[in-house]
Amino acid sequence: MSIRFHRLGKSEEDKAAMSRRMFLMTTTMAGVTTNAMLGGAAFAASEVLTQAQSTSLLRMIQDIYPHPDILQLSHYQAIATTVMNNAEANEDMAKGLTDGLDQIDAKSQELYGVPYVEIEDPDAREGLLRHFQHEGFFQGVRWTAYFGIYDNKDVWPLLGYEGASAEHGGYIDRGFSDITFVPEGPTLEERLADVQS
């Protein structure tokens, strides 16, 4: 049985629409964010996980929250390091995580004949992870990754979120109508002419 999930990709028009300013802001913020999240440390080795399990954990985080065009590998590595540090501090969590990662690899071997990280199709990896989405270890990794990405003020600019607006007077004068993903509709005059005809 094969599970396929279709993702909408950006059109060629959207890919080419990044301005120089947005490119500079994104790359600058990526560097600042990476430095802030990692504190100059590389992807840490774990006392709890083997190298293969650490690699599986990193791939799992990337598959749960895929932002390949926005987040860099170092963002995901910082989250994996947080998960490993939490596991090192809690014996039950460490056992659940190691057992869970072993179960993912075992299921991968059963279904595809290769370890989880060697499955090339992202839809197949997602389908495999759906077998474990209600397990405690999965939810622990999922929520750690969620807060590591979406509750991280350093990552917000990379995702296009400017933060709260209340202290800046609200959104009316701060980007209320600057969206680019909704196509422009007919003008008021065109709509009135259409209704009156």
N, C-alpha and C. Protein backbone atom coordinates (compact mmCIF):
# COMPACT_ATOMS: atom_id res chain seq x y z
N MET A 1 0.84 -1.18 0.00
CA MET A 1 0.00 0.00 0.00
C MET A 1 0.88 1.23 0.00
N SER A 2 0.53 2.19 -0.81
CA SER A 2 1.31 3.41 -0.92
C SER A 2 0.41 4.60 -0.65
N ILE A 3 0.85 5.50 0.18
CA ILE A 3 0.10 6.70 0.50
C ILE A 3 0.76 7.86 -0.21
N ARG A 4 -0.01 8.63 -0.96
CA ARG A 4 0.53 9.78 -1.70
C ARG A 4 -0.15 11.05 -1.19
N PHE A 5 0.63 12.05 -0.94
CA PHE A 5 0.13 13.36 -0.55
C PHE A 5 0.64 14.35 -1.58
N HIS A 6 -0.25 15.14 -2.09
CA HIS A 6 0.15 16.09 -3.12
C HIS A 6 0.34 17.46 -2.50
N ARG A 7 1.48 18.01 -2.76
CA ARG A 7 1.78 19.34 -2.25
C ARG A 7 1.72 20.32 -3.41
N LEU A 8 1.15 21.47 -3.14
CA LEU A 8 1.12 22.50 -4.16
C LEU A 8 2.46 23.21 -4.14
N GLY A 9 3.12 23.23 -5.24
CA GLY A 9 4.38 23.94 -5.33
C GLY A 9 4.13 25.37 -5.77
N LYS A 10 5.13 26.20 -5.60
CA LYS A 10 5.02 27.57 -6.04
C LYS A 10 5.11 27.61 -7.56
N SER A 11 4.37 28.51 -8.14
CA SER A 11 4.46 28.67 -9.58
C SER A 11 5.77 29.35 -9.91
N GLU A 12 6.16 29.25 -11.17
CA GLU A 12 7.40 29.90 -11.60
C GLU A 12 7.33 31.40 -11.36
N GLU A 13 6.13 31.96 -11.50
CA GLU A 13 5.94 33.39 -11.28
C GLU A 13 6.23 33.76 -9.83
N ASP A 14 5.76 32.93 -8.88
CA ASP A 14 5.99 33.20 -7.46
C ASP A 14 7.45 33.04 -7.09
N LYS A 15 8.12 32.05 -7.68
CA LYS A 15 9.53 31.81 -7.36
C LYS A 15 10.39 32.98 -7.79
N ALA A 16 10.05 33.59 -8.91
CA ALA A 16 10.86 34.68 -9.44
C ALA A 16 10.50 36.02 -8.80
N ALA A 17 9.47 36.05 -7.96
CA ALA A 17 8.96 37.30 -7.44
C ALA A 17 9.73 37.83 -6.22
N MET A 18 10.73 37.11 -5.72
CA MET A 18 11.45 37.58 -4.55
C MET A 18 12.31 38.78 -4.93
N SER A 19 12.11 39.84 -4.20
CA SER A 19 12.87 41.06 -4.49
C SER A 19 14.25 40.98 -3.85
N ARG A 20 15.11 41.87 -4.26
CA ARG A 20 16.46 41.94 -3.70
C ARG A 20 16.38 42.21 -2.20
N ARG A 21 15.49 43.11 -1.82
CA ARG A 21 15.33 43.46 -0.40
C ARG A 21 14.90 42.24 0.41
N MET A 22 13.93 41.47 -0.13
CA MET A 22 13.46 40.29 0.59
C MET A 22 14.57 39.25 0.67
N PHE A 23 15.33 39.09 -0.41
CA PHE A 23 16.44 38.14 -0.39
C PHE A 23 17.46 38.52 0.67
N LEU A 24 17.84 39.79 0.72
CA LEU A 24 18.83 40.24 1.70
C LEU A 24 18.30 40.09 3.13
N MET A 25 17.03 40.46 3.32
CA MET A 25 16.44 40.34 4.66
C MET A 25 16.39 38.87 5.10
N THR A 26 15.99 37.99 4.18
CA THR A 26 15.87 36.57 4.51
C THR A 26 17.22 35.95 4.84
N THR A 27 18.22 36.22 4.02
CA THR A 27 19.53 35.62 4.27
C THR A 27 20.18 36.20 5.52
N THR A 28 19.99 37.49 5.76
CA THR A 28 20.53 38.10 6.97
C THR A 28 19.86 37.51 8.21
N MET A 29 18.52 37.41 8.17
CA MET A 29 17.80 36.86 9.32
C MET A 29 18.15 35.39 9.54
N ALA A 30 18.41 34.66 8.46
CA ALA A 30 18.80 33.26 8.61
C ALA A 30 20.11 33.15 9.37
N GLY A 31 21.05 34.02 9.05
CA GLY A 31 22.33 34.01 9.76
C GLY A 31 22.17 34.40 11.21
N VAL A 32 21.39 35.45 11.47
CA VAL A 32 21.16 35.90 12.85
C VAL A 32 20.43 34.82 13.64
N THR A 33 19.42 34.23 13.03
CA THR A 33 18.64 33.19 13.71
C THR A 33 19.49 31.98 14.02
N THR A 34 20.27 31.55 13.06
CA THR A 34 21.12 30.38 13.26
C THR A 34 22.08 30.62 14.41
N ASN A 35 22.70 31.78 14.43
CA ASN A 35 23.64 32.10 15.49
C ASN A 35 22.94 32.15 16.85
N ALA A 36 21.75 32.75 16.88
CA ALA A 36 21.02 32.86 18.14
C ALA A 36 20.57 31.49 18.65
N MET A 37 20.08 30.65 17.74
CA MET A 37 19.56 29.35 18.16
C MET A 37 20.67 28.39 18.56
N LEU A 38 21.77 28.42 17.84
CA LEU A 38 22.83 27.46 18.10
C LEU A 38 23.88 27.99 19.08
N GLY A 39 23.97 29.28 19.22
CA GLY A 39 24.98 29.83 20.10
C GLY A 39 26.38 29.45 19.65
N GLY A 40 26.58 29.29 18.36
CA GLY A 40 27.90 28.95 17.83
C GLY A 40 28.21 27.46 17.91
N ALA A 41 27.31 26.64 18.41
CA ALA A 41 27.58 25.20 18.53
C ALA A 41 27.07 24.47 17.30
N ALA A 42 27.74 23.43 16.93
CA ALA A 42 27.30 22.61 15.81
C ALA A 42 26.27 21.61 16.29
N PHE A 43 25.75 20.81 15.38
CA PHE A 43 24.78 19.78 15.72
C PHE A 43 25.44 18.83 16.72
N ALA A 44 24.89 18.80 17.91
CA ALA A 44 25.53 18.09 19.02
C ALA A 44 25.32 16.59 18.95
N ALA A 45 26.32 15.87 19.41
CA ALA A 45 26.18 14.42 19.56
C ALA A 45 25.38 14.17 20.83
N SER A 46 24.68 13.07 20.85
CA SER A 46 23.81 12.77 21.98
C SER A 46 24.38 11.61 22.79
N GLU A 47 24.15 11.69 24.09
CA GLU A 47 24.52 10.58 24.98
C GLU A 47 23.44 9.50 24.94
N VAL A 48 22.24 9.86 24.51
CA VAL A 48 21.11 8.95 24.52
C VAL A 48 20.94 8.25 23.17
N LEU A 49 21.10 8.99 22.08
CA LEU A 49 20.82 8.45 20.75
C LEU A 49 22.11 8.05 20.03
N THR A 50 21.99 7.02 19.21
CA THR A 50 23.10 6.65 18.35
C THR A 50 23.15 7.66 17.20
N GLN A 51 24.21 7.62 16.41
CA GLN A 51 24.31 8.53 15.27
C GLN A 51 23.16 8.30 14.29
N ALA A 52 22.81 7.04 14.06
CA ALA A 52 21.70 6.72 13.14
C ALA A 52 20.38 7.26 13.67
N GLN A 53 20.16 7.14 14.99
CA GLN A 53 18.93 7.66 15.58
C GLN A 53 18.90 9.18 15.52
N SER A 54 20.04 9.83 15.73
CA SER A 54 20.11 11.29 15.64
C SER A 54 19.76 11.75 14.23
N THR A 55 20.26 11.04 13.24
CA THR A 55 19.97 11.37 11.85
C THR A 55 18.48 11.16 11.55
N SER A 56 17.91 10.08 12.08
CA SER A 56 16.48 9.82 11.91
C SER A 56 15.65 10.91 12.57
N LEU A 57 16.06 11.35 13.75
CA LEU A 57 15.35 12.41 14.45
C LEU A 57 15.36 13.70 13.63
N LEU A 58 16.50 14.05 13.10
CA LEU A 58 16.61 15.27 12.28
C LEU A 58 15.71 15.16 11.05
N ARG A 59 15.73 14.03 10.37
CA ARG A 59 14.88 13.84 9.18
C ARG A 59 13.41 13.88 9.57
N MET A 60 13.08 13.32 10.74
CA MET A 60 11.70 13.31 11.22
C MET A 60 11.20 14.73 11.45
N ILE A 61 12.01 15.58 12.06
CA ILE A 61 11.63 16.97 12.31
C ILE A 61 11.43 17.70 10.98
N GLN A 62 12.31 17.46 10.02
CA GLN A 62 12.18 18.09 8.71
C GLN A 62 10.92 17.62 7.99
N ASP A 63 10.53 16.37 8.20
CA ASP A 63 9.33 15.84 7.54
C ASP A 63 8.05 16.30 8.23
N ILE A 64 8.10 16.53 9.54
CA ILE A 64 6.90 16.99 10.25
C ILE A 64 6.61 18.44 9.88
N TYR A 65 7.63 19.28 9.84
CA TYR A 65 7.48 20.70 9.49
C TYR A 65 8.40 21.04 8.32
N PRO A 66 7.98 20.67 7.11
CA PRO A 66 8.85 20.90 5.95
C PRO A 66 8.79 22.36 5.47
N HIS A 67 9.89 23.05 5.62
CA HIS A 67 10.04 24.41 5.10
C HIS A 67 11.39 24.49 4.38
N PRO A 68 11.59 23.68 3.34
CA PRO A 68 12.92 23.62 2.72
C PRO A 68 13.37 24.92 2.07
N ASP A 69 12.42 25.74 1.62
CA ASP A 69 12.79 26.99 0.98
C ASP A 69 12.96 28.13 1.97
N ILE A 70 12.62 27.89 3.23
CA ILE A 70 12.64 28.97 4.22
C ILE A 70 13.67 28.70 5.31
N LEU A 71 13.58 27.53 5.94
CA LEU A 71 14.47 27.21 7.05
C LEU A 71 15.70 26.47 6.55
N GLN A 72 16.80 26.71 7.20
CA GLN A 72 18.03 26.04 6.83
C GLN A 72 18.21 24.81 7.73
N LEU A 73 19.14 23.97 7.35
CA LEU A 73 19.40 22.75 8.10
C LEU A 73 19.73 23.07 9.56
N SER A 74 20.44 24.15 9.79
CA SER A 74 20.83 24.51 11.15
C SER A 74 19.63 24.79 12.05
N HIS A 75 18.53 25.28 11.49
CA HIS A 75 17.32 25.49 12.30
C HIS A 75 16.79 24.16 12.80
N TYR A 76 16.74 23.18 11.91
CA TYR A 76 16.27 21.86 12.29
C TYR A 76 17.24 21.17 13.26
N GLN A 77 18.52 21.39 13.06
CA GLN A 77 19.52 20.80 13.96
C GLN A 77 19.38 21.35 15.37
N ALA A 78 19.08 22.63 15.48
CA ALA A 78 18.88 23.22 16.82
C ALA A 78 17.70 22.58 17.53
N ILE A 79 16.63 22.30 16.79
CA ILE A 79 15.46 21.65 17.39
C ILE A 79 15.80 20.22 17.79
N ALA A 80 16.53 19.51 16.94
CA ALA A 80 16.94 18.14 17.27
C ALA A 80 17.82 18.13 18.51
N THR A 81 18.69 19.11 18.63
CA THR A 81 19.54 19.21 19.82
C THR A 81 18.70 19.44 21.06
N THR A 82 17.66 20.27 20.96
CA THR A 82 16.75 20.50 22.09
C THR A 82 16.05 19.21 22.48
N VAL A 83 15.57 18.46 21.50
CA VAL A 83 14.90 17.18 21.79
C VAL A 83 15.87 16.23 22.48
N MET A 84 17.10 16.15 21.99
CA MET A 84 18.09 15.26 22.59
C MET A 84 18.45 15.71 24.01
N ASN A 85 18.58 17.01 24.24
CA ASN A 85 18.88 17.51 25.59
C ASN A 85 17.74 17.19 26.55
N ASN A 86 16.50 17.33 26.08
CA ASN A 86 15.35 16.97 26.91
C ASN A 86 15.36 15.48 27.24
N ALA A 87 15.73 14.65 26.28
CA ALA A 87 15.78 13.21 26.50
C ALA A 87 16.89 12.84 27.47
N GLU A 88 18.02 13.55 27.39
CA GLU A 88 19.12 13.27 28.31
C GLU A 88 18.75 13.63 29.74
N ALA A 89 17.84 14.58 29.91
CA ALA A 89 17.44 15.02 31.25
C ALA A 89 16.34 14.14 31.85
N ASN A 90 15.69 13.30 31.04
CA ASN A 90 14.56 12.51 31.52
C ASN A 90 14.69 11.08 30.98
N GLU A 91 14.89 10.15 31.86
CA GLU A 91 15.13 8.76 31.47
C GLU A 91 13.95 8.14 30.73
N ASP A 92 12.72 8.43 31.18
CA ASP A 92 11.54 7.88 30.51
C ASP A 92 11.40 8.45 29.10
N MET A 93 11.66 9.74 28.97
CA MET A 93 11.59 10.38 27.67
C MET A 93 12.66 9.80 26.73
N ALA A 94 13.83 9.56 27.28
CA ALA A 94 14.92 8.99 26.47
C ALA A 94 14.55 7.61 25.97
N LYS A 95 13.97 6.78 26.84
CA LYS A 95 13.57 5.43 26.43
C LYS A 95 12.48 5.50 25.37
N GLY A 96 11.49 6.36 25.58
CA GLY A 96 10.41 6.51 24.60
C GLY A 96 10.92 6.97 23.25
N LEU A 97 11.86 7.91 23.26
CA LEU A 97 12.41 8.44 22.02
C LEU A 97 13.23 7.38 21.28
N THR A 98 14.12 6.71 22.00
CA THR A 98 14.95 5.69 21.33
C THR A 98 14.09 4.53 20.81
N ASP A 99 13.12 4.09 21.61
CA ASP A 99 12.23 3.02 21.16
C ASP A 99 11.41 3.46 19.96
N GLY A 100 10.91 4.69 20.01
CA GLY A 100 10.11 5.22 18.90
C GLY A 100 10.90 5.33 17.61
N LEU A 101 12.12 5.83 17.68
CA LEU A 101 12.95 5.93 16.48
C LEU A 101 13.30 4.56 15.93
N ASP A 102 13.51 3.59 16.84
CA ASP A 102 13.75 2.21 16.39
C ASP A 102 12.52 1.63 15.70
N GLN A 103 11.33 1.95 16.23
CA GLN A 103 10.09 1.47 15.61
C GLN A 103 9.89 2.06 14.21
N ILE A 104 10.23 3.34 14.06
CA ILE A 104 10.13 3.97 12.73
C ILE A 104 11.05 3.28 11.74
N ASP A 105 12.28 3.01 12.16
CA ASP A 105 13.21 2.33 11.26
C ASP A 105 12.75 0.90 10.95
N ALA A 106 12.21 0.22 11.96
CA ALA A 106 11.73 -1.15 11.74
C ALA A 106 10.56 -1.16 10.74
N LYS A 107 9.63 -0.22 10.90
CA LYS A 107 8.49 -0.12 9.98
C LYS A 107 8.97 0.25 8.58
N SER A 108 9.97 1.11 8.51
CA SER A 108 10.55 1.49 7.22
C SER A 108 11.18 0.29 6.52
N GLN A 109 11.91 -0.51 7.30
CA GLN A 109 12.53 -1.72 6.74
C GLN A 109 11.45 -2.69 6.25
N GLU A 110 10.37 -2.79 7.03
CA GLU A 110 9.28 -3.69 6.68
C GLU A 110 8.59 -3.25 5.38
N LEU A 111 8.31 -1.95 5.25
CA LEU A 111 7.55 -1.46 4.11
C LEU A 111 8.40 -1.17 2.88
N TYR A 112 9.61 -0.65 3.09
CA TYR A 112 10.41 -0.17 1.97
C TYR A 112 11.76 -0.86 1.82
N GLY A 113 12.17 -1.64 2.83
CA GLY A 113 13.43 -2.36 2.76
C GLY A 113 14.67 -1.51 2.99
N VAL A 114 14.48 -0.28 3.46
CA VAL A 114 15.60 0.62 3.76
C VAL A 114 15.30 1.37 5.05
N PRO A 115 16.34 1.91 5.71
CA PRO A 115 16.09 2.73 6.90
C PRO A 115 15.28 3.98 6.54
N TYR A 116 14.64 4.55 7.52
CA TYR A 116 13.77 5.72 7.32
C TYR A 116 14.46 6.86 6.57
N VAL A 117 15.69 7.18 6.96
CA VAL A 117 16.37 8.33 6.33
C VAL A 117 16.74 8.07 4.88
N GLU A 118 16.71 6.84 4.43
CA GLU A 118 17.08 6.51 3.05
C GLU A 118 15.88 6.48 2.11
N ILE A 119 14.67 6.69 2.64
CA ILE A 119 13.49 6.78 1.78
C ILE A 119 13.56 8.13 1.08
N GLU A 120 13.59 8.10 -0.24
CA GLU A 120 13.76 9.34 -0.99
C GLU A 120 12.47 10.12 -1.17
N ASP A 121 11.34 9.45 -1.28
CA ASP A 121 10.06 10.10 -1.53
C ASP A 121 9.52 10.74 -0.25
N PRO A 122 9.38 12.08 -0.22
CA PRO A 122 8.88 12.73 1.00
C PRO A 122 7.46 12.30 1.36
N ASP A 123 6.65 11.98 0.35
CA ASP A 123 5.29 11.52 0.64
C ASP A 123 5.29 10.16 1.31
N ALA A 124 6.22 9.30 0.92
CA ALA A 124 6.34 7.98 1.55
C ALA A 124 6.81 8.13 3.00
N ARG A 125 7.76 9.05 3.24
CA ARG A 125 8.21 9.29 4.62
C ARG A 125 7.07 9.83 5.47
N GLU A 126 6.29 10.75 4.89
CA GLU A 126 5.14 11.30 5.63
C GLU A 126 4.13 10.21 5.94
N GLY A 127 3.86 9.35 4.97
CA GLY A 127 2.93 8.24 5.20
C GLY A 127 3.42 7.31 6.29
N LEU A 128 4.73 7.07 6.31
CA LEU A 128 5.31 6.23 7.36
C LEU A 128 5.15 6.88 8.73
N LEU A 129 5.41 8.17 8.81
CA LEU A 129 5.28 8.86 10.10
C LEU A 129 3.84 8.88 10.60
N ARG A 130 2.89 8.85 9.69
CA ARG A 130 1.48 8.84 10.10
C ARG A 130 1.13 7.58 10.90
N HIS A 131 1.89 6.51 10.75
CA HIS A 131 1.69 5.31 11.56
C HIS A 131 1.97 5.59 13.04
N PHE A 132 2.78 6.60 13.32
CA PHE A 132 3.24 6.87 14.69
C PHE A 132 2.75 8.21 15.23
N GLN A 133 1.90 8.89 14.51
CA GLN A 133 1.54 10.26 14.88
C GLN A 133 0.81 10.39 16.22
N HIS A 134 0.27 9.35 16.74
CA HIS A 134 -0.43 9.43 18.02
C HIS A 134 0.41 8.91 19.19
N GLU A 135 1.62 8.48 18.91
CA GLU A 135 2.51 7.96 19.95
C GLU A 135 3.09 9.12 20.77
N GLY A 136 3.39 8.85 22.02
CA GLY A 136 3.91 9.88 22.92
C GLY A 136 5.22 10.48 22.45
N PHE A 137 6.16 9.64 21.99
CA PHE A 137 7.45 10.17 21.55
C PHE A 137 7.27 11.09 20.35
N PHE A 138 6.36 10.73 19.44
CA PHE A 138 6.12 11.54 18.25
C PHE A 138 5.56 12.90 18.64
N GLN A 139 4.59 12.89 19.55
CA GLN A 139 3.99 14.16 19.98
C GLN A 139 5.01 15.04 20.71
N GLY A 140 5.91 14.41 21.47
CA GLY A 140 6.97 15.18 22.13
C GLY A 140 7.88 15.87 21.13
N VAL A 141 8.28 15.14 20.09
CA VAL A 141 9.12 15.73 19.04
C VAL A 141 8.34 16.78 18.28
N ARG A 142 7.09 16.48 17.97
CA ARG A 142 6.25 17.40 17.20
C ARG A 142 6.10 18.74 17.91
N TRP A 143 5.76 18.70 19.20
CA TRP A 143 5.53 19.97 19.90
C TRP A 143 6.82 20.72 20.17
N THR A 144 7.90 20.02 20.40
CA THR A 144 9.19 20.70 20.56
C THR A 144 9.55 21.41 19.26
N ALA A 145 9.33 20.74 18.14
CA ALA A 145 9.62 21.35 16.84
C ALA A 145 8.66 22.51 16.56
N TYR A 146 7.41 22.35 16.92
CA TYR A 146 6.42 23.41 16.71
C TYR A 146 6.86 24.70 17.40
N PHE A 147 7.17 24.58 18.68
CA PHE A 147 7.57 25.79 19.41
C PHE A 147 8.95 26.27 18.97
N GLY A 148 9.82 25.35 18.56
CA GLY A 148 11.14 25.74 18.08
C GLY A 148 11.09 26.54 16.79
N ILE A 149 10.03 26.35 16.02
CA ILE A 149 9.88 27.08 14.75
C ILE A 149 8.93 28.25 14.91
N TYR A 150 7.69 27.97 15.28
CA TYR A 150 6.64 28.99 15.20
C TYR A 150 6.55 29.91 16.40
N ASP A 151 7.19 29.56 17.50
CA ASP A 151 7.20 30.44 18.66
C ASP A 151 8.58 31.07 18.84
N ASN A 152 9.36 31.05 17.79
CA ASN A 152 10.71 31.59 17.83
C ASN A 152 10.72 32.93 17.10
N LYS A 153 10.87 34.01 17.85
CA LYS A 153 10.81 35.35 17.26
C LYS A 153 11.89 35.58 16.22
N ASP A 154 12.98 34.83 16.30
CA ASP A 154 14.04 34.98 15.29
C ASP A 154 13.65 34.36 13.96
N VAL A 155 12.74 33.40 13.98
CA VAL A 155 12.32 32.72 12.75
C VAL A 155 11.14 33.44 12.10
N TRP A 156 10.39 34.21 12.86
CA TRP A 156 9.19 34.87 12.33
C TRP A 156 9.44 35.64 11.04
N PRO A 157 10.49 36.45 10.95
CA PRO A 157 10.69 37.19 9.69
C PRO A 157 10.91 36.26 8.49
N LEU A 158 11.52 35.10 8.72
CA LEU A 158 11.73 34.16 7.63
C LEU A 158 10.41 33.61 7.11
N LEU A 159 9.42 33.50 8.00
CA LEU A 159 8.10 33.00 7.64
C LEU A 159 7.17 34.12 7.18
N GLY A 160 7.63 35.37 7.23
CA GLY A 160 6.82 36.50 6.79
C GLY A 160 5.92 37.07 7.87
N TYR A 161 6.10 36.64 9.11
CA TYR A 161 5.27 37.15 10.21
C TYR A 161 6.01 38.28 10.89
N GLU A 162 5.34 39.39 11.06
CA GLU A 162 5.97 40.58 11.64
C GLU A 162 5.82 40.65 13.15
N GLY A 163 5.09 39.74 13.73
CA GLY A 163 4.87 39.76 15.17
C GLY A 163 3.57 40.48 15.52
N ALA A 164 3.35 40.68 16.80
CA ALA A 164 2.14 41.33 17.26
C ALA A 164 2.07 42.76 16.73
N SER A 165 0.86 43.25 16.52
CA SER A 165 0.71 44.59 15.97
C SER A 165 0.15 45.58 16.97
N ALA A 166 -0.35 45.11 18.09
CA ALA A 166 -1.02 46.00 19.04
C ALA A 166 -0.13 47.14 19.49
N GLU A 167 1.13 46.83 19.79
CA GLU A 167 2.02 47.88 20.27
C GLU A 167 2.46 48.84 19.17
N HIS A 168 2.10 48.53 17.93
CA HIS A 168 2.45 49.40 16.79
C HIS A 168 1.22 50.06 16.19
N GLY A 169 0.08 49.99 16.87
CA GLY A 169 -1.12 50.65 16.39
C GLY A 169 -2.03 49.77 15.55
N GLY A 170 -1.79 48.47 15.51
CA GLY A 170 -2.66 47.56 14.77
C GLY A 170 -2.19 47.35 13.35
N TYR A 171 -2.98 46.55 12.61
CA TYR A 171 -2.60 46.18 11.25
C TYR A 171 -3.11 47.13 10.17
N ILE A 172 -4.04 48.01 10.50
CA ILE A 172 -4.63 48.86 9.46
C ILE A 172 -3.56 49.64 8.72
N ASP A 173 -2.60 50.21 9.43
CA ASP A 173 -1.53 50.97 8.80
C ASP A 173 -0.24 50.18 8.67
N ARG A 174 -0.28 48.89 9.00
CA ARG A 174 0.93 48.06 8.97
C ARG A 174 0.72 46.78 8.18
N GLY A 175 0.38 46.90 6.93
CA GLY A 175 0.31 45.71 6.09
C GLY A 175 -1.03 45.02 6.03
N PHE A 176 -2.10 45.72 6.37
CA PHE A 176 -3.42 45.11 6.34
C PHE A 176 -3.75 44.57 4.95
N SER A 177 -3.40 45.32 3.92
CA SER A 177 -3.79 44.91 2.58
C SER A 177 -2.60 44.70 1.65
N ASP A 178 -1.48 44.26 2.20
CA ASP A 178 -0.31 44.07 1.35
C ASP A 178 -0.09 42.61 0.95
N ILE A 179 -1.12 41.80 1.03
CA ILE A 179 -0.98 40.39 0.65
C ILE A 179 -0.81 40.28 -0.86
N THR A 180 -0.05 39.28 -1.26
CA THR A 180 0.20 39.08 -2.69
C THR A 180 -0.32 37.74 -3.19
N PHE A 181 -0.83 36.92 -2.29
CA PHE A 181 -1.23 35.58 -2.69
C PHE A 181 -2.69 35.48 -3.12
N VAL A 182 -3.48 36.55 -2.96
CA VAL A 182 -4.86 36.55 -3.40
C VAL A 182 -4.94 37.35 -4.70
N PRO A 183 -5.48 36.74 -5.76
CA PRO A 183 -5.55 37.47 -7.03
C PRO A 183 -6.49 38.67 -6.90
N GLU A 184 -6.16 39.72 -7.64
CA GLU A 184 -7.02 40.90 -7.61
C GLU A 184 -8.32 40.60 -8.32
N GLY A 185 -9.40 41.03 -7.73
CA GLY A 185 -10.71 40.83 -8.31
C GLY A 185 -11.13 42.03 -9.14
N PRO A 186 -12.36 42.02 -9.58
CA PRO A 186 -12.84 43.15 -10.38
C PRO A 186 -12.96 44.40 -9.51
N THR A 187 -12.89 45.54 -10.15
CA THR A 187 -13.03 46.81 -9.42
C THR A 187 -14.49 47.00 -9.05
N LEU A 188 -14.77 47.98 -8.21
CA LEU A 188 -16.14 48.28 -7.79
C LEU A 188 -16.98 48.66 -9.00
N GLU A 189 -16.41 49.46 -9.90
CA GLU A 189 -17.15 49.89 -11.09
C GLU A 189 -17.51 48.69 -11.97
N GLU A 190 -16.58 47.75 -12.11
CA GLU A 190 -16.85 46.56 -12.91
C GLU A 190 -17.95 45.70 -12.28
N ARG A 191 -17.92 45.57 -10.97
CA ARG A 191 -18.95 44.79 -10.29
C ARG A 191 -20.31 45.45 -10.41
N LEU A 192 -20.37 46.80 -10.25
CA LEU A 192 -21.63 47.52 -10.38
C LEU A 192 -22.17 47.38 -11.80
N ALA A 193 -21.31 47.52 -12.79
CA ALA A 193 -21.74 47.40 -14.19
C ALA A 193 -22.27 45.99 -14.45
N ASP A 194 -21.65 44.99 -13.86
CA ASP A 194 -22.09 43.61 -14.04
C ASP A 194 -23.47 43.39 -13.40
N VAL A 195 -23.68 43.97 -12.23
CA VAL A 195 -24.96 43.81 -11.53
C VAL A 195 -26.07 44.56 -12.27
N GLN A 196 -25.76 45.73 -12.80
CA GLN A 196 -26.79 46.56 -13.45
C GLN A 196 -27.14 46.06 -14.84
N SER A 197 -26.30 45.24 -15.42
CA SER A 197 -26.62 44.78 -16.79
C SER A 197 -27.49 43.55 -16.80
